[in-house]
Amino acid sequence: MSSVYDVLLKPVVTEKSTMLQEQGKYVFEVTPTANKIIVKEAIEKAFDVNVLSVNITMNRGKVKRVGQNYSRSKDKKKAIVTLKPGDRIEIFEGA
């Protein structure tokens, strides 16, 4: 990975991820090749915060059918990042 922005694709903003922010947890969509160590380094470098832990989930793409043809949406990888108490990521706060 050459850049922090190659690892972190976008923040995931849903009702559940918004409630996790109260616990100091933030959710990002990351590249499918990223691992916990790379995600931790990218978050710390991009937002200047201390990361306690990283949990990663892999969401498989759904299969859709149109007529006789089948297609599949892309796989997505999400990282749930737990920050040190007192640290915040401002992009989620609307600032």
C-alpha atoms as a PDB file:
ATOM      1  CA  MET A   1       0.000   0.000   0.000  1.00  0.00           C
ATOM      2  CA  SER A   2       1.486   3.283  -1.077  1.00  0.00           C
ATOM      3  CA  SER A   3      -0.789   5.735   0.722  1.00  0.00           C
ATOM      4  CA  VAL A   4      -3.167   6.001   3.648  1.00  0.00           C
ATOM      5  CA  TYR A   5      -5.927   6.889   1.221  1.00  0.00           C
ATOM      6  CA  ASP A   6      -5.371   3.666  -0.725  1.00  0.00           C
ATOM      7  CA  VAL A   7      -6.259   1.680   2.427  1.00  0.00           C
ATOM      8  CA  LEU A   8      -9.229   3.702   3.730  1.00  0.00           C
ATOM      9  CA  LEU A   9     -11.928   3.907   1.084  1.00  0.00           C
ATOM     10  CA  LYS A  10     -14.726   5.702   2.943  1.00  0.00           C
ATOM     11  CA  PRO A  11     -16.363   5.989   6.358  1.00  0.00           C
ATOM     12  CA  VAL A  12     -19.480   3.915   6.923  1.00  0.00           C
ATOM     13  CA  VAL A  13     -22.254   6.167   8.219  1.00  0.00           C
ATOM     14  CA  THR A  14     -25.274   4.167   9.344  1.00  0.00           C
ATOM     15  CA  GLU A  15     -27.507   4.238  12.387  1.00  0.00           C
ATOM     16  CA  LYS A  16     -25.551   1.437  14.022  1.00  0.00           C
ATOM     17  CA  SER A  17     -22.144   2.974  13.293  1.00  0.00           C
ATOM     18  CA  THR A  18     -23.348   6.310  14.676  1.00  0.00           C
ATOM     19  CA  MET A  19     -24.314   4.631  17.943  1.00  0.00           C
ATOM     20  CA  LEU A  20     -20.890   2.944  18.101  1.00  0.00           C
ATOM     21  CA  GLN A  21     -19.238   6.381  18.099  1.00  0.00           C
ATOM     22  CA  GLU A  22     -20.454   6.907  21.669  1.00  0.00           C
ATOM     23  CA  GLN A  23     -18.227   3.956  22.639  1.00  0.00           C
ATOM     24  CA  GLY A  24     -15.247   5.396  20.749  1.00  0.00           C
ATOM     25  CA  LYS A  25     -15.631   3.008  17.790  1.00  0.00           C
ATOM     26  CA  TYR A  26     -15.564   4.148  14.172  1.00  0.00           C
ATOM     27  CA  VAL A  27     -16.389   2.110  11.055  1.00  0.00           C
ATOM     28  CA  PHE A  28     -14.527   2.394   7.728  1.00  0.00           C
ATOM     29  CA  GLU A  29     -14.711   0.549   4.437  1.00  0.00           C
ATOM     30  CA  VAL A  30     -11.191  -0.603   3.567  1.00  0.00           C
ATOM     31  CA  THR A  31      -9.517  -2.310   0.629  1.00  0.00           C
ATOM     32  CA  PRO A  32     -10.018  -6.081   0.441  1.00  0.00           C
ATOM     33  CA  THR A  33      -6.266  -6.691   0.821  1.00  0.00           C
ATOM     34  CA  ALA A  34      -5.880  -4.638   4.030  1.00  0.00           C
ATOM     35  CA  ASN A  35      -5.164  -6.319   7.346  1.00  0.00           C
ATOM     36  CA  LYS A  36      -5.454  -5.087  10.945  1.00  0.00           C
ATOM     37  CA  ILE A  37      -1.894  -3.765  11.147  1.00  0.00           C
ATOM     38  CA  ILE A  38      -2.175  -1.758   7.926  1.00  0.00           C
ATOM     39  CA  VAL A  39      -5.570  -0.327   8.958  1.00  0.00           C
ATOM     40  CA  LYS A  40      -4.229   0.682  12.387  1.00  0.00           C
ATOM     41  CA  GLU A  41      -1.238   2.488  10.864  1.00  0.00           C
ATOM     42  CA  ALA A  42      -3.446   4.231   8.284  1.00  0.00           C
ATOM     43  CA  ILE A  43      -5.938   5.504  10.889  1.00  0.00           C
ATOM     44  CA  GLU A  44      -3.199   6.749  13.207  1.00  0.00           C
ATOM     45  CA  LYS A  45      -1.404   8.512  10.358  1.00  0.00           C
ATOM     46  CA  ALA A  46      -4.514  10.042   8.738  1.00  0.00           C
ATOM     47  CA  PHE A  47      -6.318  11.297  11.853  1.00  0.00           C
ATOM     48  CA  ASP A  48      -3.517  11.598  14.471  1.00  0.00           C
ATOM     49  CA  VAL A  49      -5.271   9.402  17.060  1.00  0.00           C
ATOM     50  CA  ASN A  50      -4.276   6.358  19.126  1.00  0.00           C
ATOM     51  CA  VAL A  51      -5.909   3.087  18.061  1.00  0.00           C
ATOM     52  CA  LEU A  52      -6.517   0.423  20.718  1.00  0.00           C
ATOM     53  CA  SER A  53      -7.934  -2.322  18.500  1.00  0.00           C
ATOM     54  CA  VAL A  54      -9.159  -3.110  15.000  1.00  0.00           C
ATOM     55  CA  ASN A  55     -11.876  -5.639  14.108  1.00  0.00           C
ATOM     56  CA  ILE A  56     -12.381  -6.576  10.468  1.00  0.00           C
ATOM     57  CA  THR A  57     -15.410  -8.141   8.798  1.00  0.00           C
ATOM     58  CA  MET A  58     -15.754  -9.311   5.210  1.00  0.00           C
ATOM     59  CA  ASN A  59     -19.127  -8.840   3.513  1.00  0.00           C
ATOM     60  CA  ARG A  60     -19.570 -11.051   0.459  1.00  0.00           C
ATOM     61  CA  GLY A  61     -21.273  -9.552  -2.590  1.00  0.00           C
ATOM     62  CA  LYS A  62     -24.894 -10.435  -3.307  1.00  0.00           C
ATOM     63  CA  VAL A  63     -25.914 -12.478  -6.337  1.00  0.00           C
ATOM     64  CA  LYS A  64     -28.501 -10.792  -8.553  1.00  0.00           C
ATOM     65  CA  ARG A  65     -30.390 -12.327 -11.442  1.00  0.00           C
ATOM     66  CA  VAL A  66     -31.739 -10.499 -14.474  1.00  0.00           C
ATOM     67  CA  GLY A  67     -33.420 -12.889 -16.896  1.00  0.00           C
ATOM     68  CA  GLN A  68     -31.032 -15.760 -17.546  1.00  0.00           C
ATOM     69  CA  ASN A  69     -27.954 -13.820 -16.478  1.00  0.00           C
ATOM     70  CA  TYR A  70     -26.416 -13.787 -13.003  1.00  0.00           C
ATOM     71  CA  SER A  71     -24.189 -11.049 -11.694  1.00  0.00           C
ATOM     72  CA  ARG A  72     -22.544 -10.482  -8.361  1.00  0.00           C
ATOM     73  CA  SER A  73     -21.818  -7.239  -6.543  1.00  0.00           C
ATOM     74  CA  LYS A  74     -18.327  -6.650  -5.176  1.00  0.00           C
ATOM     75  CA  ASP A  75     -17.104  -7.958  -1.844  1.00  0.00           C
ATOM     76  CA  LYS A  76     -16.661  -5.309   0.849  1.00  0.00           C
ATOM     77  CA  LYS A  77     -14.361  -5.276   3.851  1.00  0.00           C
ATOM     78  CA  LYS A  78     -15.236  -3.185   6.925  1.00  0.00           C
ATOM     79  CA  ALA A  79     -12.933  -2.219   9.776  1.00  0.00           C
ATOM     80  CA  ILE A  80     -14.289  -1.265  13.196  1.00  0.00           C
ATOM     81  CA  VAL A  81     -11.631   0.837  14.913  1.00  0.00           C
ATOM     82  CA  THR A  82     -11.612   1.393  18.688  1.00  0.00           C
ATOM     83  CA  LEU A  83      -9.838   4.568  19.776  1.00  0.00           C
ATOM     84  CA  LYS A  84      -8.148   5.479  23.048  1.00  0.00           C
ATOM     85  CA  PRO A  85     -10.596   7.224  25.442  1.00  0.00           C
ATOM     86  CA  GLY A  86     -10.577  10.960  24.745  1.00  0.00           C
ATOM     87  CA  ASP A  87      -9.628  10.638  21.060  1.00  0.00           C
ATOM     88  CA  ARG A  88     -12.186  11.511  18.378  1.00  0.00           C
ATOM     89  CA  ILE A  89     -12.310  11.540  14.590  1.00  0.00           C
ATOM     90  CA  GLU A  90     -13.852  14.831  13.490  1.00  0.00           C
ATOM     91  CA  ILE A  91     -15.179  13.806  10.045  1.00  0.00           C
ATOM     92  CA  PHE A  92     -17.964  11.866  11.763  1.00  0.00           C
ATOM     93  CA  GLU A  93     -18.952  14.813  13.938  1.00  0.00           C
ATOM     94  CA  GLY A  94     -20.008  16.941  10.960  1.00  0.00           C
ATOM     95  CA  ALA A  95     -17.137  19.420  11.387  1.00  0.00           C
END
